[in-house]
Amino acid sequence: MVWGVPPYTGVLQCKWLLARGRGLHGLGSATLHRRAMYSLGRAMSGISDSISTCASINVRNLVLVLGLFASQALARPLQDETMKERHEMWMAKYGRVYKDNAEKEKRFNIFKNNVEFIESFNKYGNKLYKLDINGFADLSNEEFKASRNGYKRSSIAKSSETLSFKYENVPAVPTSMDWRNKGAVTPIKDQGQCGCCWAFSAVAAMKGITKLSTGKLISLSEQELVDCDTRTDDSCNKRKAADHAAKLTGYEDVPANSEDALLKAVANQPVSVAIDASGYYHYKLAD
């Protein structure tokens, strides 16, 4: 392959030359005169050169095979070392620190598997989106679901007969609506390991409503909503309760399983939604 010929071509060529040599040797024995001996001598010289060439090619083939085995043996450790460097850079980027070497080795193996999956998906996948090495790259799929899919639906359900929907009779809606372009959405906040997605979602919707009603976009506190959730723990810092920037007096549900109703709601204000984010494990962007 290195010399531009298929494997073993050199060996086959040597066998062919040796066969020709034996034929020439027989011819020389039958017509033993000076000219024949001269021809035989040249033929034997050619055979000798061919045998030498054959041995040389075999040696080079052997060196090539040994070289391939050596490169295969070295490839995996080199790849692992490169991956370890990428893991170290990723740790520095996301401020990840592990309690001991055993935990670091465990996280490295998960990181390596995730990176290989992401790169393979982006290279061979035919999806309309890409994956990326994000801050969850050292978590297994089960760990990600446990830390990011903890939403528990309320056991208190409204009767479908009493549900109202204020935008039910809206005659027409635009084909698209992006409330970021209307200045009604603040930058994204990362809740981290805090299991209070309900607060982040509700507060985001409140910020949008406040912008629509007052003309001012204010970044509200999710922590205050958690601290003053009187429905579950009936406790609140009185100073926080008195010094508020916005007050939520009520809410209503968008009719379930109705894209038309959801479209009408989003066309008129930002809404709070619950999404199964298990598929967003390594999600980056759509094409």
C-alpha atoms as a PDB file:
ATOM      1  CA  MET A   1       0.000   0.000   0.000  1.00  0.00           C
ATOM      2  CA  VAL A   2       2.938   2.324   0.725  1.00  0.00           C
ATOM      3  CA  TRP A   3       4.522   1.690  -2.691  1.00  0.00           C
ATOM      4  CA  GLY A   4       1.303   2.041  -4.640  1.00  0.00           C
ATOM      5  CA  VAL A   5       0.757  -1.729  -5.206  1.00  0.00           C
ATOM      6  CA  PRO A   6      -1.728  -4.125  -3.601  1.00  0.00           C
ATOM      7  CA  PRO A   7      -0.541  -6.266  -0.650  1.00  0.00           C
ATOM      8  CA  TYR A   8       1.513  -9.368  -1.594  1.00  0.00           C
ATOM      9  CA  THR A   9       1.998  -8.240  -5.236  1.00  0.00           C
ATOM     10  CA  GLY A  10       5.750  -8.369  -4.687  1.00  0.00           C
ATOM     11  CA  VAL A  11       5.615 -11.980  -3.443  1.00  0.00           C
ATOM     12  CA  LEU A  12       3.484 -13.123  -6.390  1.00  0.00           C
ATOM     13  CA  GLN A  13       5.868 -11.420  -8.803  1.00  0.00           C
ATOM     14  CA  CYS A  14       8.852 -13.237  -7.236  1.00  0.00           C
ATOM     15  CA  LYS A  15       7.164 -16.642  -7.605  1.00  0.00           C
ATOM     16  CA  TRP A  16       6.500 -15.894 -11.274  1.00  0.00           C
ATOM     17  CA  LEU A  17      10.138 -14.932 -11.865  1.00  0.00           C
ATOM     18  CA  LEU A  18      11.379 -18.072 -10.107  1.00  0.00           C
ATOM     19  CA  ALA A  19       9.135 -20.193 -12.319  1.00  0.00           C
ATOM     20  CA  ARG A  20      10.594 -18.513 -15.405  1.00  0.00           C
ATOM     21  CA  GLY A  21      14.072 -19.125 -14.029  1.00  0.00           C
ATOM     22  CA  ARG A  22      13.508 -22.865 -13.735  1.00  0.00           C
ATOM     23  CA  GLY A  23      12.396 -22.952 -17.362  1.00  0.00           C
ATOM     24  CA  LEU A  24      15.529 -21.148 -18.480  1.00  0.00           C
ATOM     25  CA  HIS A  25      17.703 -23.513 -16.441  1.00  0.00           C
ATOM     26  CA  GLY A  26      16.200 -26.520 -18.254  1.00  0.00           C
ATOM     27  CA  LEU A  27      16.760 -24.914 -21.638  1.00  0.00           C
ATOM     28  CA  GLY A  28      20.405 -24.267 -20.791  1.00  0.00           C
ATOM     29  CA  SER A  29      20.955 -27.959 -19.872  1.00  0.00           C
ATOM     30  CA  ALA A  30      19.544 -29.149 -23.200  1.00  0.00           C
ATOM     31  CA  THR A  31      21.695 -26.867 -25.419  1.00  0.00           C
ATOM     32  CA  LEU A  32      24.980 -26.625 -23.599  1.00  0.00           C
ATOM     33  CA  HIS A  33      27.157 -24.335 -25.703  1.00  0.00           C
ATOM     34  CA  ARG A  34      28.846 -21.016 -25.097  1.00  0.00           C
ATOM     35  CA  ARG A  35      25.966 -18.876 -26.274  1.00  0.00           C
ATOM     36  CA  ALA A  36      23.473 -20.874 -24.278  1.00  0.00           C
ATOM     37  CA  MET A  37      25.707 -20.707 -21.224  1.00  0.00           C
ATOM     38  CA  TYR A  38      25.946 -16.944 -21.708  1.00  0.00           C
ATOM     39  CA  SER A  39      22.162 -16.725 -21.903  1.00  0.00           C
ATOM     40  CA  LEU A  40      21.843 -19.032 -18.924  1.00  0.00           C
ATOM     41  CA  GLY A  41      24.277 -16.922 -16.975  1.00  0.00           C
ATOM     42  CA  ARG A  42      22.246 -13.806 -17.672  1.00  0.00           C
ATOM     43  CA  ALA A  43      19.052 -15.632 -16.774  1.00  0.00           C
ATOM     44  CA  MET A  44      20.494 -16.936 -13.507  1.00  0.00           C
ATOM     45  CA  SER A  45      21.752 -13.455 -12.747  1.00  0.00           C
ATOM     46  CA  GLY A  46      18.229 -12.159 -13.319  1.00  0.00           C
ATOM     47  CA  ILE A  47      16.844 -14.886 -11.077  1.00  0.00           C
ATOM     48  CA  SER A  48      19.322 -13.929  -8.372  1.00  0.00           C
ATOM     49  CA  ASP A  49      18.290 -10.285  -8.666  1.00  0.00           C
ATOM     50  CA  SER A  50      14.649 -11.315  -8.556  1.00  0.00           C
ATOM     51  CA  ILE A  51      15.194 -13.418  -5.434  1.00  0.00           C
ATOM     52  CA  SER A  52      17.017 -10.486  -3.859  1.00  0.00           C
ATOM     53  CA  THR A  53      14.177  -8.167  -4.867  1.00  0.00           C
ATOM     54  CA  CYS A  54      11.657 -10.639  -3.485  1.00  0.00           C
ATOM     55  CA  ALA A  55      13.476 -10.827  -0.170  1.00  0.00           C
ATOM     56  CA  SER A  56      13.701  -7.046  -0.056  1.00  0.00           C
ATOM     57  CA  ILE A  57       9.969  -6.658  -0.736  1.00  0.00           C
ATOM     58  CA  ASN A  58       9.145  -9.309   1.861  1.00  0.00           C
ATOM     59  CA  VAL A  59      11.271  -7.500   4.426  1.00  0.00           C
ATOM     60  CA  ARG A  60       9.598  -4.202   3.591  1.00  0.00           C
ATOM     61  CA  ASN A  61       6.179  -5.873   3.777  1.00  0.00           C
ATOM     62  CA  LEU A  62       7.163  -7.269   7.165  1.00  0.00           C
ATOM     63  CA  VAL A  63       8.300  -3.845   8.332  1.00  0.00           C
ATOM     64  CA  LEU A  64       5.051  -2.357   7.026  1.00  0.00           C
ATOM     65  CA  VAL A  65       2.926  -4.954   8.845  1.00  0.00           C
ATOM     66  CA  LEU A  66       4.872  -4.484  12.057  1.00  0.00           C
ATOM     67  CA  GLY A  67       4.527  -0.727  11.624  1.00  0.00           C
ATOM     68  CA  LEU A  68       0.762  -1.055  11.247  1.00  0.00           C
ATOM     69  CA  PHE A  69       0.540  -3.184  14.379  1.00  0.00           C
ATOM     70  CA  ALA A  70       2.649  -0.657  16.261  1.00  0.00           C
ATOM     71  CA  SER A  71       0.538   2.289  15.066  1.00  0.00           C
ATOM     72  CA  GLN A  72      -2.662   0.486  16.078  1.00  0.00           C
ATOM     73  CA  ALA A  73      -1.193  -0.256  19.482  1.00  0.00           C
ATOM     74  CA  LEU A  74      -0.236   3.400  19.954  1.00  0.00           C
ATOM     75  CA  ALA A  75      -3.427   4.926  18.526  1.00  0.00           C
ATOM     76  CA  ARG A  76      -5.708   4.226  21.488  1.00  0.00           C
ATOM     77  CA  PRO A  77      -3.337   5.587  24.200  1.00  0.00           C
ATOM     78  CA  LEU A  78      -2.684   8.692  22.086  1.00  0.00           C
ATOM     79  CA  GLN A  79      -6.420   9.205  21.571  1.00  0.00           C
ATOM     80  CA  ASP A  80      -7.003   8.769  25.297  1.00  0.00           C
ATOM     81  CA  GLU A  81      -4.290  11.303  26.088  1.00  0.00           C
ATOM     82  CA  THR A  82      -5.847  13.782  23.672  1.00  0.00           C
ATOM     83  CA  MET A  83      -9.255  13.159  25.242  1.00  0.00           C
ATOM     84  CA  LYS A  84      -7.796  13.687  28.713  1.00  0.00           C
ATOM     85  CA  GLU A  85      -6.464  17.058  27.591  1.00  0.00           C
ATOM     86  CA  ARG A  86      -9.909  17.974  26.265  1.00  0.00           C
ATOM     87  CA  HIS A  87     -11.428  16.890  29.567  1.00  0.00           C
ATOM     88  CA  GLU A  88      -9.001  19.079  31.505  1.00  0.00           C
ATOM     89  CA  MET A  89      -9.864  22.070  29.291  1.00  0.00           C
ATOM     90  CA  TRP A  90     -13.572  21.341  29.724  1.00  0.00           C
ATOM     91  CA  MET A  91     -13.149  21.156  33.522  1.00  0.00           C
ATOM     92  CA  ALA A  92     -11.429  24.543  33.538  1.00  0.00           C
ATOM     93  CA  LYS A  93     -14.136  26.088  31.341  1.00  0.00           C
ATOM     94  CA  TYR A  94     -17.012  24.911  33.534  1.00  0.00           C
ATOM     95  CA  GLY A  95     -15.206  25.078  36.884  1.00  0.00           C
ATOM     96  CA  ARG A  96     -15.594  21.364  37.512  1.00  0.00           C
ATOM     97  CA  VAL A  97     -13.683  19.924  40.483  1.00  0.00           C
ATOM     98  CA  TYR A  98     -13.905  16.270  41.577  1.00  0.00           C
ATOM     99  CA  LYS A  99     -13.539  14.970  45.115  1.00  0.00           C
ATOM    100  CA  ASP A 100     -10.857  12.370  44.279  1.00  0.00           C
ATOM    101  CA  ASN A 101      -9.082  10.583  41.423  1.00  0.00           C
ATOM    102  CA  ALA A 102     -11.634   7.776  41.349  1.00  0.00           C
ATOM    103  CA  GLU A 103     -14.454  10.254  40.754  1.00  0.00           C
ATOM    104  CA  LYS A 104     -12.365  12.064  38.139  1.00  0.00           C
ATOM    105  CA  GLU A 105     -11.689   8.821  36.272  1.00  0.00           C
ATOM    106  CA  LYS A 106     -15.383   7.947  36.351  1.00  0.00           C
ATOM    107  CA  ARG A 107     -16.338  11.372  35.018  1.00  0.00           C
ATOM    108  CA  PHE A 108     -13.627  11.204  32.360  1.00  0.00           C
ATOM    109  CA  ASN A 109     -14.990   7.933  30.985  1.00  0.00           C
ATOM    110  CA  ILE A 110     -18.513   9.394  30.825  1.00  0.00           C
ATOM    111  CA  PHE A 111     -17.119  12.539  29.188  1.00  0.00           C
ATOM    112  CA  LYS A 112     -15.223  10.484  26.598  1.00  0.00           C
ATOM    113  CA  ASN A 113     -18.291   8.419  25.703  1.00  0.00           C
ATOM    114  CA  ASN A 114     -20.429  11.550  25.393  1.00  0.00           C
ATOM    115  CA  VAL A 115     -17.877  13.345  23.206  1.00  0.00           C
ATOM    116  CA  GLU A 116     -17.558  10.341  20.885  1.00  0.00           C
ATOM    117  CA  PHE A 117     -21.354  10.128  20.612  1.00  0.00           C
ATOM    118  CA  ILE A 118     -21.706  13.874  19.924  1.00  0.00           C
ATOM    119  CA  GLU A 119     -19.020  13.899  17.232  1.00  0.00           C
ATOM    120  CA  SER A 120     -20.420  10.780  15.562  1.00  0.00           C
ATOM    121  CA  PHE A 121     -23.949  12.227  15.629  1.00  0.00           C
ATOM    122  CA  ASN A 122     -22.863  15.510  14.063  1.00  0.00           C
ATOM    123  CA  LYS A 123     -20.826  13.708  11.390  1.00  0.00           C
ATOM    124  CA  TYR A 124     -23.242  10.954  10.379  1.00  0.00           C
ATOM    125  CA  GLY A 125     -26.623  12.058  11.740  1.00  0.00           C
ATOM    126  CA  ASN A 126     -29.335  13.303   9.404  1.00  0.00           C
ATOM    127  CA  LYS A 127     -31.188  15.377  11.985  1.00  0.00           C
ATOM    128  CA  LEU A 128     -32.113  19.033  11.633  1.00  0.00           C
ATOM    129  CA  TYR A 129     -30.099  19.984  14.710  1.00  0.00           C
ATOM    130  CA  LYS A 130     -26.581  19.635  16.096  1.00  0.00           C
ATOM    131  CA  LEU A 131     -25.186  18.464  19.420  1.00  0.00           C
ATOM    132  CA  ASP A 132     -22.469  20.169  21.437  1.00  0.00           C
ATOM    133  CA  ILE A 133     -20.122  19.498  24.351  1.00  0.00           C
ATOM    134  CA  ASN A 134     -21.882  21.552  27.017  1.00  0.00           C
ATOM    135  CA  GLY A 135     -21.824  21.719  30.807  1.00  0.00           C
ATOM    136  CA  PHE A 136     -23.543  18.319  31.116  1.00  0.00           C
ATOM    137  CA  ALA A 137     -20.837  16.391  29.245  1.00  0.00           C
ATOM    138  CA  ASP A 138     -19.627  14.471  32.316  1.00  0.00           C
ATOM    139  CA  LEU A 139     -23.128  13.327  33.321  1.00  0.00           C
ATOM    140  CA  SER A 140     -24.701  10.065  32.253  1.00  0.00           C
ATOM    141  CA  ASN A 141     -28.132  10.183  30.666  1.00  0.00           C
ATOM    142  CA  GLU A 142     -29.670   8.867  33.889  1.00  0.00           C
ATOM    143  CA  GLU A 143     -27.918  11.531  35.971  1.00  0.00           C
ATOM    144  CA  PHE A 144     -29.042  14.281  33.621  1.00  0.00           C
ATOM    145  CA  LYS A 145     -32.659  13.138  33.811  1.00  0.00           C
ATOM    146  CA  ALA A 146     -32.504  12.913  37.604  1.00  0.00           C
ATOM    147  CA  SER A 147     -31.154  16.463  37.945  1.00  0.00           C
ATOM    148  CA  ARG A 148     -33.094  18.187  35.150  1.00  0.00           C
ATOM    149  CA  ASN A 149     -36.347  16.234  34.773  1.00  0.00           C
ATOM    150  CA  GLY A 150     -37.660  16.490  38.308  1.00  0.00           C
ATOM    151  CA  TYR A 151     -40.894  18.346  37.585  1.00  0.00           C
ATOM    152  CA  LYS A 152     -43.842  16.858  39.443  1.00  0.00           C
ATOM    153  CA  ARG A 153     -47.256  17.773  38.179  1.00  0.00           C
ATOM    154  CA  SER A 154     -49.632  19.315  40.697  1.00  0.00           C
ATOM    155  CA  SER A 155     -52.156  16.894  42.144  1.00  0.00           C
ATOM    156  CA  ILE A 156     -54.692  19.730  42.257  1.00  0.00           C
ATOM    157  CA  ALA A 157     -56.419  19.784  38.881  1.00  0.00           C
ATOM    158  CA  LYS A 158     -59.047  22.174  37.631  1.00  0.00           C
ATOM    159  CA  SER A 159     -62.261  20.838  36.212  1.00  0.00           C
ATOM    160  CA  SER A 160     -62.265  21.080  32.418  1.00  0.00           C
ATOM    161  CA  GLU A 161     -65.814  22.472  32.622  1.00  0.00           C
ATOM    162  CA  THR A 162     -64.728  25.524  34.650  1.00  0.00           C
ATOM    163  CA  LEU A 163     -61.638  26.416  32.629  1.00  0.00           C
ATOM    164  CA  SER A 164     -61.677  29.831  30.994  1.00  0.00           C
ATOM    165  CA  PHE A 165     -59.400  31.088  28.273  1.00  0.00           C
ATOM    166  CA  LYS A 166     -59.206  34.831  27.745  1.00  0.00           C
ATOM    167  CA  TYR A 167     -57.893  34.589  24.194  1.00  0.00           C
ATOM    168  CA  GLU A 168     -60.488  32.082  23.004  1.00  0.00           C
ATOM    169  CA  ASN A 169     -62.209  34.583  20.701  1.00  0.00           C
ATOM    170  CA  VAL A 170     -59.128  36.305  19.301  1.00  0.00           C
ATOM    171  CA  PRO A 171     -59.972  36.554  15.578  1.00  0.00           C
ATOM    172  CA  ALA A 172     -56.494  36.406  14.055  1.00  0.00           C
ATOM    173  CA  VAL A 173     -52.914  35.859  15.126  1.00  0.00           C
ATOM    174  CA  PRO A 174     -49.607  36.643  13.393  1.00  0.00           C
ATOM    175  CA  THR A 175     -47.737  33.815  11.697  1.00  0.00           C
ATOM    176  CA  SER A 176     -44.852  34.275  14.139  1.00  0.00           C
ATOM    177  CA  MET A 177     -44.101  36.104  17.371  1.00  0.00           C
ATOM    178  CA  ASP A 178     -40.769  36.518  19.139  1.00  0.00           C
ATOM    179  CA  TRP A 179     -41.139  38.400  22.423  1.00  0.00           C
ATOM    180  CA  ARG A 180     -37.384  38.949  22.567  1.00  0.00           C
ATOM    181  CA  ASN A 181     -37.784  41.354  19.669  1.00  0.00           C
ATOM    182  CA  LYS A 182     -40.449  43.177  21.694  1.00  0.00           C
ATOM    183  CA  GLY A 183     -38.067  43.632  24.630  1.00  0.00           C
ATOM    184  CA  ALA A 184     -40.218  41.487  26.924  1.00  0.00           C
ATOM    185  CA  VAL A 185     -37.659  38.775  27.728  1.00  0.00           C
ATOM    186  CA  THR A 186     -34.577  39.069  29.945  1.00  0.00           C
ATOM    187  CA  PRO A 187     -31.364  37.052  29.415  1.00  0.00           C
ATOM    188  CA  ILE A 188     -31.512  33.334  30.242  1.00  0.00           C
ATOM    189  CA  LYS A 189     -30.801  32.309  33.827  1.00  0.00           C
ATOM    190  CA  ASP A 190     -29.314  28.940  34.769  1.00  0.00           C
ATOM    191  CA  GLN A 191     -31.031  27.392  37.776  1.00  0.00           C
ATOM    192  CA  GLY A 192     -28.154  24.945  38.241  1.00  0.00           C
ATOM    193  CA  GLN A 193     -28.998  22.083  40.583  1.00  0.00           C
ATOM    194  CA  CYS A 194     -31.859  24.008  42.183  1.00  0.00           C
ATOM    195  CA  GLY A 195     -35.088  22.059  41.698  1.00  0.00           C
ATOM    196  CA  CYS A 196     -37.325  25.079  41.245  1.00  0.00           C
ATOM    197  CA  CYS A 197     -38.062  25.210  37.539  1.00  0.00           C
ATOM    198  CA  TRP A 198     -41.614  26.229  38.422  1.00  0.00           C
ATOM    199  CA  ALA A 199     -40.287  29.469  39.939  1.00  0.00           C
ATOM    200  CA  PHE A 200     -38.000  30.287  36.998  1.00  0.00           C
ATOM    201  CA  SER A 201     -40.782  29.645  34.496  1.00  0.00           C
ATOM    202  CA  ALA A 202     -43.423  31.604  36.412  1.00  0.00           C
ATOM    203  CA  VAL A 203     -41.109  34.566  37.041  1.00  0.00           C
ATOM    204  CA  ALA A 204     -40.122  34.694  33.362  1.00  0.00           C
ATOM    205  CA  ALA A 205     -43.793  34.963  32.415  1.00  0.00           C
ATOM    206  CA  MET A 206     -44.293  37.655  35.091  1.00  0.00           C
ATOM    207  CA  LYS A 207     -41.464  39.719  33.620  1.00  0.00           C
ATOM    208  CA  GLY A 208     -43.169  39.623  30.242  1.00  0.00           C
ATOM    209  CA  ILE A 209     -46.536  40.666  31.693  1.00  0.00           C
ATOM    210  CA  THR A 210     -44.866  43.494  33.657  1.00  0.00           C
ATOM    211  CA  LYS A 211     -43.239  44.772  30.472  1.00  0.00           C
ATOM    212  CA  LEU A 212     -46.581  44.748  28.631  1.00  0.00           C
ATOM    213  CA  SER A 213     -48.442  46.507  31.451  1.00  0.00           C
ATOM    214  CA  THR A 214     -45.830  49.056  32.583  1.00  0.00           C
ATOM    215  CA  GLY A 215     -43.511  49.374  29.608  1.00  0.00           C
ATOM    216  CA  LYS A 216     -40.545  48.453  31.818  1.00  0.00           C
ATOM    217  CA  LEU A 217     -38.573  45.206  31.678  1.00  0.00           C
ATOM    218  CA  ILE A 218     -37.396  44.270  35.170  1.00  0.00           C
ATOM    219  CA  SER A 219     -35.336  41.221  36.139  1.00  0.00           C
ATOM    220  CA  LEU A 220     -37.365  39.692  38.978  1.00  0.00           C
ATOM    221  CA  SER A 221     -36.127  37.362  41.712  1.00  0.00           C
ATOM    222  CA  GLU A 222     -36.869  33.640  41.526  1.00  0.00           C
ATOM    223  CA  GLN A 223     -35.418  33.239  45.022  1.00  0.00           C
ATOM    224  CA  GLU A 224     -38.041  35.543  46.510  1.00  0.00           C
ATOM    225  CA  LEU A 225     -40.793  33.456  44.969  1.00  0.00           C
ATOM    226  CA  VAL A 226     -39.272  30.320  46.483  1.00  0.00           C
ATOM    227  CA  ASP A 227     -38.869  32.006  49.881  1.00  0.00           C
ATOM    228  CA  CYS A 228     -42.414  33.360  49.885  1.00  0.00           C
ATOM    229  CA  ASP A 229     -44.232  30.282  48.637  1.00  0.00           C
ATOM    230  CA  THR A 230     -46.909  30.269  51.350  1.00  0.00           C
ATOM    231  CA  ARG A 231     -48.840  27.469  49.696  1.00  0.00           C
ATOM    232  CA  THR A 232     -46.363  24.789  50.807  1.00  0.00           C
ATOM    233  CA  ASP A 233     -44.461  26.104  53.832  1.00  0.00           C
ATOM    234  CA  ASP A 234     -46.527  29.159  54.860  1.00  0.00           C
ATOM    235  CA  SER A 235     -43.448  31.216  55.592  1.00  0.00           C
ATOM    236  CA  CYS A 236     -41.983  34.373  54.128  1.00  0.00           C
ATOM    237  CA  ASN A 237     -39.563  37.098  55.022  1.00  0.00           C
ATOM    238  CA  LYS A 238     -41.886  40.037  55.793  1.00  0.00           C
ATOM    239  CA  ARG A 239     -39.462  42.590  54.416  1.00  0.00           C
ATOM    240  CA  LYS A 240     -39.277  40.719  51.125  1.00  0.00           C
ATOM    241  CA  ALA A 241     -43.059  40.450  50.978  1.00  0.00           C
ATOM    242  CA  ALA A 242     -43.467  44.201  51.466  1.00  0.00           C
ATOM    243  CA  ASP A 243     -40.709  45.302  49.108  1.00  0.00           C
ATOM    244  CA  HIS A 244     -41.766  43.724  45.821  1.00  0.00           C
ATOM    245  CA  ALA A 245     -41.445  44.884  42.212  1.00  0.00           C
ATOM    246  CA  ALA A 246     -44.417  42.950  40.822  1.00  0.00           C
ATOM    247  CA  LYS A 247     -47.356  41.001  42.159  1.00  0.00           C
ATOM    248  CA  LEU A 248     -49.021  37.967  40.646  1.00  0.00           C
ATOM    249  CA  THR A 249     -52.760  37.928  41.322  1.00  0.00           C
ATOM    250  CA  GLY A 250     -53.790  34.907  39.308  1.00  0.00           C
ATOM    251  CA  TYR A 251     -53.271  32.673  36.308  1.00  0.00           C
ATOM    252  CA  GLU A 252     -55.167  30.484  33.898  1.00  0.00           C
ATOM    253  CA  ASP A 253     -54.272  27.390  31.911  1.00  0.00           C
ATOM    254  CA  VAL A 254     -54.084  27.226  28.157  1.00  0.00           C
ATOM    255  CA  PRO A 255     -56.455  24.467  26.987  1.00  0.00           C
ATOM    256  CA  ALA A 256     -54.564  21.174  26.791  1.00  0.00           C
ATOM    257  CA  ASN A 257     -53.662  19.537  23.473  1.00  0.00           C
ATOM    258  CA  SER A 258     -54.634  22.608  21.458  1.00  0.00           C
ATOM    259  CA  GLU A 259     -51.926  24.170  19.314  1.00  0.00           C
ATOM    260  CA  ASP A 260     -54.419  26.773  18.138  1.00  0.00           C
ATOM    261  CA  ALA A 261     -55.046  27.909  21.721  1.00  0.00           C
ATOM    262  CA  LEU A 262     -51.329  27.981  22.486  1.00  0.00           C
ATOM    263  CA  LEU A 263     -50.702  30.036  19.350  1.00  0.00           C
ATOM    264  CA  LYS A 264     -53.299  32.583  20.444  1.00  0.00           C
ATOM    265  CA  ALA A 265     -51.796  32.796  23.929  1.00  0.00           C
ATOM    266  CA  VAL A 266     -48.199  33.252  22.732  1.00  0.00           C
ATOM    267  CA  ALA A 267     -49.305  35.863  20.205  1.00  0.00           C
ATOM    268  CA  ASN A 268     -50.617  38.000  23.065  1.00  0.00           C
ATOM    269  CA  GLN A 269     -48.087  37.439  25.859  1.00  0.00           C
ATOM    270  CA  PRO A 270     -45.154  35.271  26.976  1.00  0.00           C
ATOM    271  CA  VAL A 271     -46.376  32.033  28.560  1.00  0.00           C
ATOM    272  CA  SER A 272     -45.019  29.594  31.126  1.00  0.00           C
ATOM    273  CA  VAL A 273     -44.573  26.038  29.853  1.00  0.00           C
ATOM    274  CA  ALA A 274     -43.223  22.729  31.152  1.00  0.00           C
ATOM    275  CA  ILE A 275     -41.051  20.810  28.676  1.00  0.00           C
ATOM    276  CA  ASP A 276     -39.598  17.302  28.868  1.00  0.00           C
ATOM    277  CA  ALA A 277     -35.943  18.299  28.460  1.00  0.00           C
ATOM    278  CA  SER A 278     -34.480  14.782  28.318  1.00  0.00           C
ATOM    279  CA  GLY A 279     -33.907  15.237  24.579  1.00  0.00           C
ATOM    280  CA  TYR A 280     -31.940  18.460  25.193  1.00  0.00           C
ATOM    281  CA  TYR A 281     -29.079  16.595  26.882  1.00  0.00           C
ATOM    282  CA  HIS A 282     -26.447  17.691  24.318  1.00  0.00           C
ATOM    283  CA  TYR A 283     -28.631  19.937  22.148  1.00  0.00           C
ATOM    284  CA  LYS A 284     -26.920  22.898  20.502  1.00  0.00           C
ATOM    285  CA  LEU A 285     -28.945  24.425  17.659  1.00  0.00           C
ATOM    286  CA  ALA A 286     -31.137  23.695  14.683  1.00  0.00           C
ATOM    287  CA  ASP A 287     -29.977  24.139  11.111  1.00  0.00           C
END
